[in-house]
Each structure stands twice: as structure tokens, then as C-alpha cells.
N, C-alpha and C. Protein backbone atom coordinates (compact mmCIF):
# COMPACT_ATOMS: atom_id res chain seq x y z
N ILE A 1 107.11 59.98 87.82
CA ILE A 1 106.86 60.81 88.85
C ILE A 1 106.62 62.39 88.06
N GLU A 2 107.56 61.62 86.73
CA GLU A 2 107.29 63.17 85.85
C GLU A 2 105.81 63.16 85.56
N ARG A 3 105.42 61.88 85.43
CA ARG A 3 104.03 62.05 84.46
C ARG A 3 103.06 62.82 85.84
N ARG A 4 103.17 62.29 86.77
CA ARG A 4 102.25 63.24 87.81
C ARG A 4 103.07 64.74 87.99
N GLN A 5 103.75 64.99 87.48
CA GLN A 5 104.11 66.55 87.26
C GLN A 5 103.49 67.37 86.10
N LYS A 6 103.37 66.23 85.16
CA LYS A 6 103.07 67.21 84.08
C LYS A 6 101.29 67.02 84.61
N GLY A 7 100.81 66.75 85.60
CA GLY A 7 99.64 66.78 85.33
C GLY A 7 98.97 67.44 86.23
N LEU A 8 99.87 68.07 86.82
CA LEU A 8 99.71 69.04 88.25
C LEU A 8 99.44 70.55 87.23
N PHE A 9 98.36 71.28 88.13
CA PHE A 9 98.26 72.27 87.22
C PHE A 9 98.60 73.61 88.38
N PRO A 10 99.47 74.55 87.53
CA PRO A 10 99.98 75.46 88.26
C PRO A 10 99.05 76.38 89.51
N VAL A 11 99.51 77.11 90.42
CA VAL A 11 98.23 77.20 91.25
C VAL A 11 98.63 78.94 91.24
N LYS A 12 97.38 79.33 90.95
CA LYS A 12 97.85 81.20 90.81
C LYS A 12 96.49 81.44 92.63
N PRO A 13 97.88 82.41 93.00
CA PRO A 13 97.21 82.37 94.26
C PRO A 13 95.96 83.92 94.30
N LYS A 14 95.29 83.98 95.16
CA LYS A 14 93.78 84.82 94.91
C LYS A 14 94.02 85.37 95.98
N PRO A 15 93.99 87.02 96.32
CA PRO A 15 94.28 88.14 96.95
C PRO A 15 92.81 87.50 97.88
N PRO A 16 93.30 87.91 99.58
CA PRO A 16 91.73 87.67 100.41
C PRO A 16 90.85 88.70 100.15
N LYS A 17 89.29 88.09 100.42
CA LYS A 17 88.62 89.03 100.49
C LYS A 17 88.33 90.73 100.62
N ASP A 18 88.09 91.29 100.22
CA ASP A 18 88.63 92.63 100.45
C ASP A 18 89.83 93.56 100.69
N PHE A 19 90.50 92.97 99.75
CA PHE A 19 92.34 93.54 99.60
C PHE A 19 92.62 94.52 99.48
N ASN A 20 91.22 94.93 98.56
CA ASN A 20 91.58 96.60 98.24
C ASN A 20 91.66 97.38 98.97
N LYS A 21 90.96 96.82 100.27
CA LYS A 21 90.44 97.64 101.65
C LYS A 21 91.45 98.58 102.71
N TYR A 22 92.73 97.19 102.50
CA TYR A 22 93.97 96.79 103.55
C TYR A 22 94.50 98.38 103.63
N LEU A 23 95.40 98.68 104.20
CA LEU A 23 95.94 100.04 104.61
C LEU A 23 97.02 99.89 103.65
N MET A 24 97.63 98.49 103.75
CA MET A 24 99.10 98.83 102.72
C MET A 24 98.78 98.43 101.48
N ASN A 25 97.70 98.05 101.23
CA ASN A 25 97.15 97.87 99.34
C ASN A 25 96.85 99.34 99.31
N ARG A 26 96.23 100.03 99.82
CA ARG A 26 95.76 101.34 99.28
C ARG A 26 96.45 102.23 99.60
N CYS A 27 97.49 101.97 100.81
CA CYS A 27 98.34 103.60 100.98
C CYS A 27 97.49 104.94 101.68
N THR A 28 96.50 104.15 102.55
CA THR A 28 95.52 105.72 102.94
C THR A 28 96.27 105.81 104.66
N TYR A 29 97.48 105.33 104.65
CA TYR A 29 98.22 105.29 106.20
C TYR A 29 99.15 106.69 106.09
N THR A 30 99.29 107.21 107.20
CA THR A 30 99.84 108.14 107.46
C THR A 30 101.33 108.24 108.34
N LEU A 31 102.42 108.43 107.58
CA LEU A 31 103.58 108.03 108.14
C LEU A 31 103.78 108.91 109.43
N GLN A 32 103.93 110.65 109.23
CA GLN A 32 104.58 111.21 109.85
C GLN A 32 103.71 111.86 111.23
N ASN A 33 102.68 112.75 110.42
CA ASN A 33 101.56 113.53 111.24
C ASN A 33 100.65 112.54 111.48
N THR A 34 99.76 112.73 113.02
CA THR A 34 98.37 111.61 112.64
C THR A 34 97.33 112.76 111.81
N VAL A 35 96.20 112.65 111.22
CA VAL A 35 95.43 113.25 111.01
C VAL A 35 94.66 114.06 112.37
N ASN A 36 94.15 113.76 112.97
CA ASN A 36 93.71 113.90 114.75
C ASN A 36 93.94 113.61 115.73
N PRO A 37 95.05 114.42 116.12
CA PRO A 37 96.23 113.77 117.18
C PRO A 37 95.07 114.00 118.66
N GLU A 38 95.65 112.65 119.06
CA GLU A 38 94.70 112.47 120.66
C GLU A 38 94.67 114.17 121.95
N PRO A 39 94.38 114.06 122.19
CA PRO A 39 94.09 115.71 123.52
C PRO A 39 95.01 114.73 124.19
N GLN A 40 95.78 115.32 125.07
CA GLN A 40 95.96 115.04 126.79
C GLN A 40 95.12 114.40 127.47
N VAL A 41 94.85 113.73 128.42
CA VAL A 41 94.47 113.72 129.28
C VAL A 41 94.71 114.40 130.36
N ASP A 42 93.42 114.47 131.33
CA ASP A 42 94.16 115.49 132.37
C ASP A 42 94.34 114.69 133.20
N ILE A 43 94.77 115.51 134.72
CA ILE A 43 95.10 114.25 135.57
C ILE A 43 93.59 114.18 136.57
N PRO A 44 94.05 112.79 136.63
CA PRO A 44 92.15 112.41 137.51
C PRO A 44 92.37 113.03 138.99
N HIS A 45 91.19 113.45 139.44
CA HIS A 45 91.59 113.95 140.80
C HIS A 45 91.60 112.69 142.08
N THR A 46 91.16 111.71 141.20
CA THR A 46 91.71 110.80 142.47
C THR A 46 92.89 110.17 142.56
N MET A 47 93.58 110.79 141.67
CA MET A 47 95.31 110.01 141.84
C MET A 47 95.82 110.54 143.07
N PRO A 48 96.81 109.55 143.80
CA PRO A 48 97.47 110.37 144.72
C PRO A 48 98.53 111.03 144.07
N SER A 49 99.07 111.72 145.00
CA SER A 49 99.88 112.53 144.82
C SER A 49 101.34 112.01 144.23
N GLN A 50 101.59 111.04 144.77
CA GLN A 50 103.21 110.67 144.37
C GLN A 50 102.75 110.09 142.67
N MET A 51 101.84 109.70 142.39
CA MET A 51 101.66 109.40 141.31
C MET A 51 101.86 110.45 140.00
N VAL A 52 101.79 111.49 140.36
CA VAL A 52 101.47 112.71 139.18
C VAL A 52 102.76 112.70 138.22
N ASN A 53 103.79 112.82 138.84
CA ASN A 53 104.93 112.89 137.90
C ASN A 53 104.85 112.10 137.37
N ASP A 54 104.81 110.88 137.91
CA ASP A 54 104.62 109.41 137.06
C ASP A 54 103.36 109.60 135.58
N PHE A 55 102.72 110.08 136.24
CA PHE A 55 101.23 110.08 135.21
C PHE A 55 101.44 111.26 133.88
N LEU A 56 102.34 112.32 134.06
CA LEU A 56 102.59 113.29 133.36
C LEU A 56 103.55 112.48 132.43
N ALA A 57 104.62 112.36 132.92
CA ALA A 57 105.78 111.31 132.25
C ALA A 57 105.23 110.55 131.10
N HIS A 58 104.39 109.41 131.56
CA HIS A 58 103.71 108.41 130.68
C HIS A 58 102.47 109.14 129.73
N GLU A 59 101.64 110.25 129.82
CA GLU A 59 101.07 110.94 128.80
C GLU A 59 101.98 111.47 128.09
N LYS A 60 103.18 112.18 128.02
CA LYS A 60 103.70 113.11 127.55
C LYS A 60 104.49 111.99 126.39
N GLU A 61 104.76 110.58 126.85
CA GLU A 61 104.77 109.51 126.10
C GLU A 61 104.62 109.29 125.04
N ARG A 62 103.08 109.03 125.79
CA ARG A 62 101.77 108.39 125.09
C ARG A 62 101.39 109.45 123.96
N TYR A 63 101.83 110.68 124.00
CA TYR A 63 101.22 111.52 122.79
C TYR A 63 102.15 111.75 122.40
N VAL A 64 103.59 111.89 122.69
CA VAL A 64 104.45 111.50 121.50
C VAL A 64 104.62 110.26 120.19
N ILE A 65 104.01 109.55 120.76
CA ILE A 65 104.09 108.27 120.18
C ILE A 65 102.67 107.95 119.16
N TYR A 66 101.57 108.26 119.71
CA TYR A 66 100.77 108.34 118.94
C TYR A 66 100.63 109.36 118.23
């Protein structure tokens, strides 16, 4: 067993292809504010009136998350 272990070569990991383009490696991400915030979507005309309040609440939450 010792003879086999001496014959083994140490493995050196290679980074994946285009590793330097990843966001975490280059730190090109934003943590606080988005660069181009998404505009809020208008209420569709075909939406039933019962769903308007839910739509507005969801749209507000989506805007906060984005």
C-alpha cells in the first residue's frame, strides 16, 4: 500500500472553462440597488376586478424583491 501511495501524483484542480467570467469571481454583481430597476407592470384590462388588489400587492412585492 505504501508503494502505491508513493506512486500517486498529487491532483491539482483546474478551474472550469470561462471561470473568470463568473459573477462571484469577478464581483460584478450588485448587493443593494439594481442598476436598471424594472418598471411596474400596469393592470391588464382583461383582469377581473376581484383580482386587482391581489395583482397590485404581488406587483409591489415583486418590485421590492427585484
